[in-house]
Amino acid sequence: MSSQVENQIRLARHEAGSLNMPRAQKFLAAWIANLTQLAHYQPYFIAATVACLAGGYGLLYRSRRRVCTDGQVCARPLSNRVVTGGLILATILVIGALALDVIAPLFL
């Protein structure tokens, strides 16, 4: 009987605490909770991401093999460095995000 009373007290404290939460935090928590419904589609998102990265690397490789004349965007080395750096950074972030699913349970 005391466990039911303790559960009701905990529930009342939780509801009181959630009432003190700002409206923006409530909205953000509800929005993030809705994103969990997309978990079933995670393999499709991963495949699309890998395809986009592969396409980016393919375009980068193809642009390096193409001869550029003066005045074109591909003739400027800065734009090529920015694109290469952005693609490498995106690849590192994607690998980190995918590795997080594997590594996170080790820390919990």
PDB file of N, CA and C in Angstrom:
ATOM      1  N   MET A   1       0.824  -1.187   0.000  1.00  0.00           N
ATOM      2  CA  MET A   1       0.000   0.000   0.000  1.00  0.00           C
ATOM      3  C   MET A   1       0.868   1.251   0.000  1.00  0.00           C
ATOM      4  N   SER A   2       1.983   1.207   0.730  1.00  0.00           N
ATOM      5  CA  SER A   2       2.848   2.387   0.781  1.00  0.00           C
ATOM      6  C   SER A   2       3.521   2.624  -0.566  1.00  0.00           C
ATOM      7  N   SER A   3       3.721   1.553  -1.353  1.00  0.00           N
ATOM      8  CA  SER A   3       4.355   1.744  -2.662  1.00  0.00           C
ATOM      9  C   SER A   3       3.438   2.527  -3.599  1.00  0.00           C
ATOM     10  N   GLN A   4       2.119   2.316  -3.465  1.00  0.00           N
ATOM     11  CA  GLN A   4       1.189   3.089  -4.285  1.00  0.00           C
ATOM     12  C   GLN A   4       1.220   4.563  -3.897  1.00  0.00           C
ATOM     13  N   VAL A   5       1.317   4.828  -2.634  1.00  0.00           N
ATOM     14  CA  VAL A   5       1.381   6.214  -2.165  1.00  0.00           C
ATOM     15  C   VAL A   5       2.678   6.859  -2.644  1.00  0.00           C
ATOM     16  N   GLU A   6       3.775   6.108  -2.558  1.00  0.00           N
ATOM     17  CA  GLU A   6       5.059   6.641  -3.020  1.00  0.00           C
ATOM     18  C   GLU A   6       5.019   6.911  -4.526  1.00  0.00           C
ATOM     19  N   ASN A   7       4.393   6.032  -5.285  1.00  0.00           N
ATOM     20  CA  ASN A   7       4.275   6.247  -6.730  1.00  0.00           C
ATOM     21  C   ASN A   7       3.446   7.484  -7.041  1.00  0.00           C
ATOM     22  N   GLN A   8       2.369   7.690  -6.283  1.00  0.00           N
ATOM     23  CA  GLN A   8       1.538   8.869  -6.504  1.00  0.00           C
ATOM     24  C   GLN A   8       2.298  10.152  -6.153  1.00  0.00           C
ATOM     25  N   ILE A   9       3.106  10.088  -5.101  1.00  0.00           N
ATOM     26  CA  ILE A   9       3.900  11.260  -4.720  1.00  0.00           C
ATOM     27  C   ILE A   9       4.922  11.572  -5.804  1.00  0.00           C
ATOM     28  N   ARG A  10       5.603  10.527  -6.311  1.00  0.00           N
ATOM     29  CA  ARG A  10       6.579  10.728  -7.381  1.00  0.00           C
ATOM     30  C   ARG A  10       5.906  11.305  -8.634  1.00  0.00           C
ATOM     31  N   LEU A  11       4.737  10.793  -8.967  1.00  0.00           N
ATOM     32  CA  LEU A  11       4.012  11.277 -10.133  1.00  0.00           C
ATOM     33  C   LEU A  11       3.612  12.738  -9.948  1.00  0.00           C
ATOM     34  N   ALA A  12       3.166  13.092  -8.744  1.00  0.00           N
ATOM     35  CA  ALA A  12       2.784  14.481  -8.477  1.00  0.00           C
ATOM     36  C   ALA A  12       3.992  15.395  -8.573  1.00  0.00           C
ATOM     37  N   ARG A  13       5.142  14.951  -8.074  1.00  0.00           N
ATOM     38  CA  ARG A  13       6.363  15.764  -8.175  1.00  0.00           C
ATOM     39  C   ARG A  13       6.789  15.919  -9.629  1.00  0.00           C
ATOM     40  N   HIS A  14       6.672  14.853 -10.393  1.00  0.00           N
ATOM     41  CA  HIS A  14       7.047  14.913 -11.801  1.00  0.00           C
ATOM     42  C   HIS A  14       6.149  15.888 -12.561  1.00  0.00           C
ATOM     43  N   GLU A  15       4.834  15.824 -12.281  1.00  0.00           N
ATOM     44  CA  GLU A  15       3.914  16.736 -12.948  1.00  0.00           C
ATOM     45  C   GLU A  15       4.167  18.173 -12.517  1.00  0.00           C
ATOM     46  N   ALA A  16       4.488  18.388 -11.264  1.00  0.00           N
ATOM     47  CA  ALA A  16       4.783  19.740 -10.789  1.00  0.00           C
ATOM     48  C   ALA A  16       6.069  20.247 -11.428  1.00  0.00           C
ATOM     49  N   GLY A  17       7.036  19.369 -11.570  1.00  0.00           N
ATOM     50  CA  GLY A  17       8.291  19.763 -12.214  1.00  0.00           C
ATOM     51  C   GLY A  17       8.097  20.080 -13.673  1.00  0.00           C
ATOM     52  N   SER A  18       7.228  19.340 -14.352  1.00  0.00           N
ATOM     53  CA  SER A  18       6.996  19.605 -15.770  1.00  0.00           C
ATOM     54  C   SER A  18       6.209  20.887 -15.972  1.00  0.00           C
ATOM     55  N   LEU A  19       5.441  21.291 -14.982  1.00  0.00           N
ATOM     56  CA  LEU A  19       4.719  22.553 -15.096  1.00  0.00           C
ATOM     57  C   LEU A  19       5.677  23.730 -15.011  1.00  0.00           C
ATOM     58  N   ASN A  20       6.780  23.578 -14.304  1.00  0.00           N
ATOM     59  CA  ASN A  20       7.757  24.644 -14.182  1.00  0.00           C
ATOM     60  C   ASN A  20       8.653  24.743 -15.420  1.00  0.00           C
ATOM     61  N   MET A  21       8.616  23.737 -16.291  1.00  0.00           N
ATOM     62  CA  MET A  21       9.440  23.729 -17.483  1.00  0.00           C
ATOM     63  C   MET A  21       8.930  24.792 -18.456  1.00  0.00           C
ATOM     64  N   PRO A  22       9.825  25.587 -19.025  1.00  0.00           N
ATOM     65  CA  PRO A  22       9.383  26.596 -19.989  1.00  0.00           C
ATOM     66  C   PRO A  22       8.703  25.956 -21.196  1.00  0.00           C
ATOM     67  N   ARG A  23       7.860  26.739 -21.822  1.00  0.00           N
ATOM     68  CA  ARG A  23       7.064  26.235 -22.935  1.00  0.00           C
ATOM     69  C   ARG A  23       7.942  25.771 -24.103  1.00  0.00           C
ATOM     70  N   ALA A  24       9.032  26.488 -24.355  1.00  0.00           N
ATOM     71  CA  ALA A  24       9.927  26.123 -25.458  1.00  0.00           C
ATOM     72  C   ALA A  24      10.564  24.758 -25.215  1.00  0.00           C
ATOM     73  N   GLN A  25      10.919  24.469 -23.978  1.00  0.00           N
ATOM     74  CA  GLN A  25      11.511  23.170 -23.664  1.00  0.00           C
ATOM     75  C   GLN A  25      10.492  22.051 -23.832  1.00  0.00           C
ATOM     76  N   LYS A  26       9.257  22.301 -23.469  1.00  0.00           N
ATOM     77  CA  LYS A  26       8.214  21.295 -23.657  1.00  0.00           C
ATOM     78  C   LYS A  26       8.017  20.995 -25.140  1.00  0.00           C
ATOM     79  N   PHE A  27       7.993  22.069 -25.941  1.00  0.00           N
ATOM     80  CA  PHE A  27       7.820  21.893 -27.379  1.00  0.00           C
ATOM     81  C   PHE A  27       8.995  21.127 -27.975  1.00  0.00           C
ATOM     82  N   LEU A  28      10.213  21.478 -27.567  1.00  0.00           N
ATOM     83  CA  LEU A  28      11.403  20.805 -28.085  1.00  0.00           C
ATOM     84  C   LEU A  28      11.417  19.335 -27.687  1.00  0.00           C
ATOM     85  N   ALA A  29      11.037  19.036 -26.457  1.00  0.00           N
ATOM     86  CA  ALA A  29      11.007  17.642 -26.010  1.00  0.00           C
ATOM     87  C   ALA A  29       9.968  16.843 -26.798  1.00  0.00           C
ATOM     88  N   ALA A  30       8.819  17.436 -27.059  1.00  0.00           N
ATOM     89  CA  ALA A  30       7.776  16.749 -27.836  1.00  0.00           C
ATOM     90  C   ALA A  30       8.225  16.543 -29.278  1.00  0.00           C
ATOM     91  N   TRP A  31       8.926  17.535 -29.838  1.00  0.00           N
ATOM     92  CA  TRP A  31       9.390  17.432 -31.218  1.00  0.00           C
ATOM     93  C   TRP A  31      10.445  16.341 -31.355  1.00  0.00           C
ATOM     94  N   ILE A  32      11.372  16.277 -30.416  1.00  0.00           N
ATOM     95  CA  ILE A  32      12.406  15.243 -30.448  1.00  0.00           C
ATOM     96  C   ILE A  32      11.780  13.871 -30.240  1.00  0.00           C
ATOM     97  N   ALA A  33      10.775  13.786 -29.401  1.00  0.00           N
ATOM     98  CA  ALA A  33      10.094  12.502 -29.184  1.00  0.00           C
ATOM     99  C   ALA A  33       9.425  12.027 -30.466  1.00  0.00           C
ATOM    100  N   ASN A  34       8.925  12.942 -31.270  1.00  0.00           N
ATOM    101  CA  ASN A  34       8.317  12.550 -32.542  1.00  0.00           C
ATOM    102  C   ASN A  34       9.347  12.026 -33.533  1.00  0.00           C
ATOM    103  N   LEU A  35      10.590  12.467 -33.415  1.00  0.00           N
ATOM    104  CA  LEU A  35      11.640  11.986 -34.318  1.00  0.00           C
ATOM    105  C   LEU A  35      11.960  10.510 -34.097  1.00  0.00           C
ATOM    106  N   THR A  36      11.653   9.989 -32.936  1.00  0.00           N
ATOM    107  CA  THR A  36      11.914   8.574 -32.685  1.00  0.00           C
ATOM    108  C   THR A  36      11.050   7.676 -33.564  1.00  0.00           C
ATOM    109  N   GLN A  37       9.974   8.222 -34.098  1.00  0.00           N
ATOM    110  CA  GLN A  37       9.128   7.441 -35.008  1.00  0.00           C
ATOM    111  C   GLN A  37       9.836   7.151 -36.327  1.00  0.00           C
ATOM    112  N   LEU A  38      10.882   7.915 -36.637  1.00  0.00           N
ATOM    113  CA  LEU A  38      11.640   7.708 -37.865  1.00  0.00           C
ATOM    114  C   LEU A  38      12.736   6.658 -37.709  1.00  0.00           C
ATOM    115  N   ALA A  39      12.856   6.068 -36.540  1.00  0.00           N
ATOM    116  CA  ALA A  39      13.925   5.098 -36.287  1.00  0.00           C
ATOM    117  C   ALA A  39      13.817   3.881 -37.208  1.00  0.00           C
ATOM    118  N   HIS A  40      12.627   3.543 -37.636  1.00  0.00           N
ATOM    119  CA  HIS A  40      12.448   2.399 -38.528  1.00  0.00           C
ATOM    120  C   HIS A  40      13.102   2.636 -39.886  1.00  0.00           C
ATOM    121  N   TYR A  41      13.240   3.898 -40.249  1.00  0.00           N
ATOM    122  CA  TYR A  41      13.789   4.244 -41.561  1.00  0.00           C
ATOM    123  C   TYR A  41      15.290   4.524 -41.513  1.00  0.00           C
ATOM    124  N   GLN A  42      15.945   4.261 -40.393  1.00  0.00           N
ATOM    125  CA  GLN A  42      17.364   4.557 -40.236  1.00  0.00           C
ATOM    126  C   GLN A  42      18.233   3.913 -41.318  1.00  0.00           C
ATOM    127  N   PRO A  43      18.031   2.647 -41.686  1.00  0.00           N
ATOM    128  CA  PRO A  43      18.871   2.081 -42.754  1.00  0.00           C
ATOM    129  C   PRO A  43      18.730   2.819 -44.082  1.00  0.00           C
ATOM    130  N   TYR A  44      17.533   3.318 -44.379  1.00  0.00           N
ATOM    131  CA  TYR A  44      17.339   4.077 -45.615  1.00  0.00           C
ATOM    132  C   TYR A  44      18.072   5.418 -45.557  1.00  0.00           C
ATOM    133  N   PHE A  45      18.036   6.066 -44.406  1.00  0.00           N
ATOM    134  CA  PHE A  45      18.765   7.326 -44.245  1.00  0.00           C
ATOM    135  C   PHE A  45      20.269   7.103 -44.364  1.00  0.00           C
ATOM    136  N   ILE A  46      20.754   6.013 -43.790  1.00  0.00           N
ATOM    137  CA  ILE A  46      22.179   5.704 -43.883  1.00  0.00           C
ATOM    138  C   ILE A  46      22.566   5.436 -45.332  1.00  0.00           C
ATOM    139  N   ALA A  47      21.754   4.677 -46.042  1.00  0.00           N
ATOM    140  CA  ALA A  47      22.046   4.381 -47.449  1.00  0.00           C
ATOM    141  C   ALA A  47      22.033   5.655 -48.288  1.00  0.00           C
ATOM    142  N   ALA A  48      21.075   6.549 -48.042  1.00  0.00           N
ATOM    143  CA  ALA A  48      21.016   7.810 -48.790  1.00  0.00           C
ATOM    144  C   ALA A  48      22.229   8.682 -48.482  1.00  0.00           C
ATOM    145  N   THR A  49      22.662   8.689 -47.230  1.00  0.00           N
ATOM    146  CA  THR A  49      23.830   9.475 -46.850  1.00  0.00           C
ATOM    147  C   THR A  49      25.085   8.943 -47.520  1.00  0.00           C
ATOM    148  N   VAL A  50      25.254   7.638 -47.495  1.00  0.00           N
ATOM    149  CA  VAL A  50      26.426   7.029 -48.140  1.00  0.00           C
ATOM    150  C   VAL A  50      26.393   7.289 -49.650  1.00  0.00           C
ATOM    151  N   ALA A  51      25.214   7.223 -50.246  1.00  0.00           N
ATOM    152  CA  ALA A  51      25.098   7.493 -51.679  1.00  0.00           C
ATOM    153  C   ALA A  51      25.454   8.952 -51.998  1.00  0.00           C
ATOM    154  N   CYS A  52      25.011   9.876 -51.163  1.00  0.00           N
ATOM    155  CA  CYS A  52      25.344  11.291 -51.385  1.00  0.00           C
ATOM    156  C   CYS A  52      26.837  11.541 -51.219  1.00  0.00           C
ATOM    157  N   LEU A  53      27.455  10.930 -50.206  1.00  0.00           N
ATOM    158  CA  LEU A  53      28.897  11.086 -50.030  1.00  0.00           C
ATOM    159  C   LEU A  53      29.658  10.475 -51.198  1.00  0.00           C
ATOM    160  N   ALA A  54      29.228   9.303 -51.640  1.00  0.00           N
ATOM    161  CA  ALA A  54      29.890   8.663 -52.781  1.00  0.00           C
ATOM    162  C   ALA A  54      29.722   9.521 -54.036  1.00  0.00           C
ATOM    163  N   GLY A  55      28.557  10.089 -54.226  1.00  0.00           N
ATOM    164  CA  GLY A  55      28.347  10.979 -55.353  1.00  0.00           C
ATOM    165  C   GLY A  55      29.225  12.218 -55.273  1.00  0.00           C
ATOM    166  N   GLY A  56      29.377  12.749 -54.085  1.00  0.00           N
ATOM    167  CA  GLY A  56      30.246  13.911 -53.892  1.00  0.00           C
ATOM    168  C   GLY A  56      31.694  13.605 -54.215  1.00  0.00           C
ATOM    169  N   TYR A  57      32.158  12.448 -53.727  1.00  0.00           N
ATOM    170  CA  TYR A  57      33.534  12.059 -54.041  1.00  0.00           C
ATOM    171  C   TYR A  57      33.696  11.773 -55.532  1.00  0.00           C
ATOM    172  N   GLY A  58      32.676  11.199 -56.161  1.00  0.00           N
ATOM    173  CA  GLY A  58      32.729  10.951 -57.601  1.00  0.00           C
ATOM    174  C   GLY A  58      32.805  12.245 -58.395  1.00  0.00           C
ATOM    175  N   LEU A  59      32.002  13.223 -58.021  1.00  0.00           N
ATOM    176  CA  LEU A  59      32.049  14.515 -58.703  1.00  0.00           C
ATOM    177  C   LEU A  59      33.382  15.218 -58.476  1.00  0.00           C
ATOM    178  N   LEU A  60      33.923  15.089 -57.281  1.00  0.00           N
ATOM    179  CA  LEU A  60      35.219  15.694 -56.993  1.00  0.00           C
ATOM    180  C   LEU A  60      36.314  15.047 -57.825  1.00  0.00           C
ATOM    181  N   TYR A  61      36.274  13.736 -57.932  1.00  0.00           N
ATOM    182  CA  TYR A  61      37.271  13.023 -58.735  1.00  0.00           C
ATOM    183  C   TYR A  61      37.128  13.395 -60.212  1.00  0.00           C
ATOM    184  N   ARG A  62      35.904  13.463 -60.676  1.00  0.00           N
ATOM    185  CA  ARG A  62      35.669  13.799 -62.080  1.00  0.00           C
ATOM    186  C   ARG A  62      36.091  15.230 -62.395  1.00  0.00           C
ATOM    187  N   SER A  63      35.884  16.151 -61.455  1.00  0.00           N
ATOM    188  CA  SER A  63      36.269  17.539 -61.698  1.00  0.00           C
ATOM    189  C   SER A  63      37.782  17.702 -61.716  1.00  0.00           C
ATOM    190  N   ARG A  64      38.496  16.871 -60.987  1.00  0.00           N
ATOM    191  CA  ARG A  64      39.963  16.951 -61.004  1.00  0.00           C
ATOM    192  C   ARG A  64      40.537  16.412 -62.311  1.00  0.00           C
ATOM    193  N   ARG A  65      39.844  15.498 -62.926  1.00  0.00           N
ATOM    194  CA  ARG A  65      40.335  14.925 -64.173  1.00  0.00           C
ATOM    195  C   ARG A  65      40.007  15.805 -65.375  1.00  0.00           C
ATOM    196  N   ARG A  66      39.040  16.691 -65.216  1.00  0.00           N
ATOM    197  CA  ARG A  66      38.623  17.553 -66.307  1.00  0.00           C
ATOM    198  C   ARG A  66      39.569  18.746 -66.408  1.00  0.00           C
ATOM    199  N   VAL A  67      39.869  19.157 -67.605  1.00  0.00           N
ATOM    200  CA  VAL A  67      40.743  20.303 -67.823  1.00  0.00           C
ATOM    201  C   VAL A  67      39.912  21.574 -67.695  1.00  0.00           C
ATOM    202  N   CYS A  68      40.412  22.527 -66.913  1.00  0.00           N
ATOM    203  CA  CYS A  68      39.714  23.785 -66.700  1.00  0.00           C
ATOM    204  C   CYS A  68      40.466  24.911 -67.391  1.00  0.00           C
ATOM    205  N   THR A  69      39.718  25.816 -67.944  1.00  0.00           N
ATOM    206  CA  THR A  69      40.329  27.004 -68.523  1.00  0.00           C
ATOM    207  C   THR A  69      40.291  28.118 -67.495  1.00  0.00           C
ATOM    208  N   ASP A  70      41.096  29.139 -67.740  1.00  0.00           N
ATOM    209  CA  ASP A  70      41.122  30.264 -66.809  1.00  0.00           C
ATOM    210  C   ASP A  70      39.761  30.937 -66.744  1.00  0.00           C
ATOM    211  N   GLY A  71      39.390  31.344 -65.551  1.00  0.00           N
ATOM    212  CA  GLY A  71      38.119  32.023 -65.357  1.00  0.00           C
ATOM    213  C   GLY A  71      37.003  31.113 -64.892  1.00  0.00           C
ATOM    214  N   GLN A  72      37.156  29.809 -64.998  1.00  0.00           N
ATOM    215  CA  GLN A  72      36.136  28.891 -64.509  1.00  0.00           C
ATOM    216  C   GLN A  72      36.330  28.655 -63.019  1.00  0.00           C
ATOM    217  N   VAL A  73      35.264  28.215 -62.376  1.00  0.00           N
ATOM    218  CA  VAL A  73      35.324  27.979 -60.936  1.00  0.00           C
ATOM    219  C   VAL A  73      36.310  26.865 -60.607  1.00  0.00           C
ATOM    220  N   CYS A  74      36.381  25.852 -61.450  1.00  0.00           N
ATOM    221  CA  CYS A  74      37.253  24.725 -61.148  1.00  0.00           C
ATOM    222  C   CYS A  74      38.725  25.090 -61.289  1.00  0.00           C
ATOM    223  N   ALA A  75      39.031  26.212 -61.909  1.00  0.00           N
ATOM    224  CA  ALA A  75      40.420  26.632 -62.057  1.00  0.00           C
ATOM    225  C   ALA A  75      40.956  27.245 -60.768  1.00  0.00           C
ATOM    226  N   ARG A  76      40.079  27.649 -59.875  1.00  0.00           N
ATOM    227  CA  ARG A  76      40.529  28.260 -58.620  1.00  0.00           C
ATOM    228  C   ARG A  76      40.802  27.173 -57.593  1.00  0.00           C
ATOM    229  N   PRO A  77      42.010  27.102 -57.047  1.00  0.00           N
ATOM    230  CA  PRO A  77      42.326  26.043 -56.081  1.00  0.00           C
ATOM    231  C   PRO A  77      41.601  26.199 -54.750  1.00  0.00           C
ATOM    232  N   LEU A  78      41.216  27.426 -54.389  1.00  0.00           N
ATOM    233  CA  LEU A  78      40.531  27.627 -53.110  1.00  0.00           C
ATOM    234  C   LEU A  78      39.179  26.932 -53.098  1.00  0.00           C
ATOM    235  N   SER A  79      38.424  27.029 -54.174  1.00  0.00           N
ATOM    236  CA  SER A  79      37.112  26.388 -54.198  1.00  0.00           C
ATOM    237  C   SER A  79      37.253  24.870 -54.128  1.00  0.00           C
ATOM    238  N   ASN A  80      38.282  24.320 -54.772  1.00  0.00           N
ATOM    239  CA  ASN A  80      38.507  22.877 -54.699  1.00  0.00           C
ATOM    240  C   ASN A  80      38.870  22.452 -53.276  1.00  0.00           C
ATOM    241  N   ARG A  81      39.656  23.267 -52.597  1.00  0.00           N
ATOM    242  CA  ARG A  81      40.027  22.942 -51.205  1.00  0.00           C
ATOM    243  C   ARG A  81      38.820  23.014 -50.280  1.00  0.00           C
ATOM    244  N   VAL A  82      37.974  23.996 -50.499  1.00  0.00           N
ATOM    245  CA  VAL A  82      36.775  24.143 -49.658  1.00  0.00           C
ATOM    246  C   VAL A  82      35.845  22.949 -49.851  1.00  0.00           C
ATOM    247  N   VAL A  83      35.645  22.548 -51.098  1.00  0.00           N
ATOM    248  CA  VAL A  83      34.772  21.410 -51.381  1.00  0.00           C
ATOM    249  C   VAL A  83      35.368  20.133 -50.799  1.00  0.00           C
ATOM    250  N   THR A  84      36.669  19.933 -50.985  1.00  0.00           N
ATOM    251  CA  THR A  84      37.324  18.736 -50.446  1.00  0.00           C
ATOM    252  C   THR A  84      37.254  18.721 -48.919  1.00  0.00           C
ATOM    253  N   GLY A  85      37.532  19.860 -48.300  1.00  0.00           N
ATOM    254  CA  GLY A  85      37.456  19.945 -46.839  1.00  0.00           C
ATOM    255  C   GLY A  85      36.060  19.697 -46.316  1.00  0.00           C
ATOM    256  N   GLY A  86      35.065  20.261 -46.986  1.00  0.00           N
ATOM    257  CA  GLY A  86      33.683  20.042 -46.567  1.00  0.00           C
ATOM    258  C   GLY A  86      33.253  18.594 -46.710  1.00  0.00           C
ATOM    259  N   LEU A  87      33.701  17.963 -47.773  1.00  0.00           N
ATOM    260  CA  LEU A  87      33.354  16.558 -47.990  1.00  0.00           C
ATOM    261  C   LEU A  87      34.027  15.654 -46.966  1.00  0.00           C
ATOM    262  N   ILE A  88      35.269  15.953 -46.652  1.00  0.00           N
ATOM    263  CA  ILE A  88      35.980  15.162 -45.629  1.00  0.00           C
ATOM    264  C   ILE A  88      35.340  15.383 -44.261  1.00  0.00           C
ATOM    265  N   LEU A  89      34.997  16.630 -43.940  1.00  0.00           N
ATOM    266  CA  LEU A  89      34.343  16.916 -42.662  1.00  0.00           C
ATOM    267  C   LEU A  89      32.993  16.206 -42.557  1.00  0.00           C
ATOM    268  N   ALA A  90      32.227  16.218 -43.636  1.00  0.00           N
ATOM    269  CA  ALA A  90      30.932  15.526 -43.634  1.00  0.00           C
ATOM    270  C   ALA A  90      31.123  14.029 -43.441  1.00  0.00           C
ATOM    271  N   THR A  91      32.150  13.468 -44.068  1.00  0.00           N
ATOM    272  CA  THR A  91      32.422  12.038 -43.916  1.00  0.00           C
ATOM    273  C   THR A  91      32.792  11.708 -42.478  1.00  0.00           C
ATOM    274  N   ILE A  92      33.619  12.542 -41.865  1.00  0.00           N
ATOM    275  CA  ILE A  92      34.005  12.313 -40.461  1.00  0.00           C
ATOM    276  C   ILE A  92      32.783  12.398 -39.548  1.00  0.00           C
ATOM    277  N   LEU A  93      31.909  13.378 -39.784  1.00  0.00           N
ATOM    278  CA  LEU A  93      30.704  13.512 -38.957  1.00  0.00           C
ATOM    279  C   LEU A  93      29.767  12.318 -39.123  1.00  0.00           C
ATOM    280  N   VAL A  94      29.626  11.829 -40.338  1.00  0.00           N
ATOM    281  CA  VAL A  94      28.751  10.679 -40.578  1.00  0.00           C
ATOM    282  C   VAL A  94      29.332   9.437 -39.909  1.00  0.00           C
ATOM    283  N   ILE A  95      30.633   9.219 -40.039  1.00  0.00           N
ATOM    284  CA  ILE A  95      31.259   8.062 -39.386  1.00  0.00           C
ATOM    285  C   ILE A  95      31.122   8.175 -37.872  1.00  0.00           C
ATOM    286  N   GLY A  96      31.293   9.383 -37.342  1.00  0.00           N
ATOM    287  CA  GLY A  96      31.124   9.578 -35.904  1.00  0.00           C
ATOM    288  C   GLY A  96      29.713   9.305 -35.442  1.00  0.00           C
ATOM    289  N   ALA A  97      28.731   9.758 -36.220  1.00  0.00           N
ATOM    290  CA  ALA A  97      27.324   9.530 -35.856  1.00  0.00           C
ATOM    291  C   ALA A  97      26.975   8.047 -35.915  1.00  0.00           C
ATOM    292  N   LEU A  98      27.499   7.348 -36.914  1.00  0.00           N
ATOM    293  CA  LEU A  98      27.226   5.912 -37.014  1.00  0.00           C
ATOM    294  C   LEU A  98      27.955   5.136 -35.923  1.00  0.00           C
ATOM    295  N   ALA A  99      29.149   5.572 -35.580  1.00  0.00           N
ATOM    296  CA  ALA A  99      29.910   4.888 -34.534  1.00  0.00           C
ATOM    297  C   ALA A  99      29.310   5.128 -33.152  1.00  0.00           C
ATOM    298  N   LEU A 100      28.604   6.232 -32.995  1.00  0.00           N
ATOM    299  CA  LEU A 100      28.002   6.545 -31.702  1.00  0.00           C
ATOM    300  C   LEU A 100      26.987   5.489 -31.286  1.00  0.00           C
ATOM    301  N   ASP A 101      26.254   4.935 -32.246  1.00  0.00           N
ATOM    302  CA  ASP A 101      25.292   3.884 -31.927  1.00  0.00           C
ATOM    303  C   ASP A 101      25.990   2.634 -31.398  1.00  0.00           C
ATOM    304  N   VAL A 102      27.199   2.399 -31.849  1.00  0.00           N
ATOM    305  CA  VAL A 102      27.935   1.218 -31.415  1.00  0.00           C
ATOM    306  C   VAL A 102      28.658   1.482 -30.091  1.00  0.00           C
ATOM    307  N   ILE A 103      29.205   2.688 -29.935  1.00  0.00           N
ATOM    308  CA  ILE A 103      30.029   3.004 -28.771  1.00  0.00           C
ATOM    309  C   ILE A 103      29.194   3.393 -27.557  1.00  0.00           C
ATOM    310  N   ALA A 104      28.056   4.042 -27.748  1.00  0.00           N
ATOM    311  CA  ALA A 104      27.254   4.558 -26.639  1.00  0.00           C
ATOM    312  C   ALA A 104      26.876   3.506 -25.604  1.00  0.00           C
ATOM    313  N   PRO A 105      26.474   2.300 -25.989  1.00  0.00           N
ATOM    314  CA  PRO A 105      26.129   1.311 -24.960  1.00  0.00           C
ATOM    315  C   PRO A 105      27.308   0.929 -24.061  1.00  0.00           C
ATOM    316  N   LEU A 106      28.522   1.111 -24.546  1.00  0.00           N
ATOM    317  CA  LEU A 106      29.681   0.795 -23.707  1.00  0.00           C
ATOM    318  C   LEU A 106      29.832   1.757 -22.560  1.00  0.00           C
ATOM    319  N   PHE A 107      29.338   2.976 -22.702  1.00  0.00           N
ATOM    320  CA  PHE A 107      29.452   3.987 -21.653  1.00  0.00           C
ATOM    321  C   PHE A 107      28.284   3.973 -20.686  1.00  0.00           C
ATOM    322  N   LEU A 108      27.219   3.285 -21.035  1.00  0.00           N
ATOM    323  CA  LEU A 108      26.038   3.270 -20.170  1.00  0.00           C
ATOM    324  C   LEU A 108      26.057   2.145 -19.190  1.00  0.00           C
TER     325      LEU A 108
END
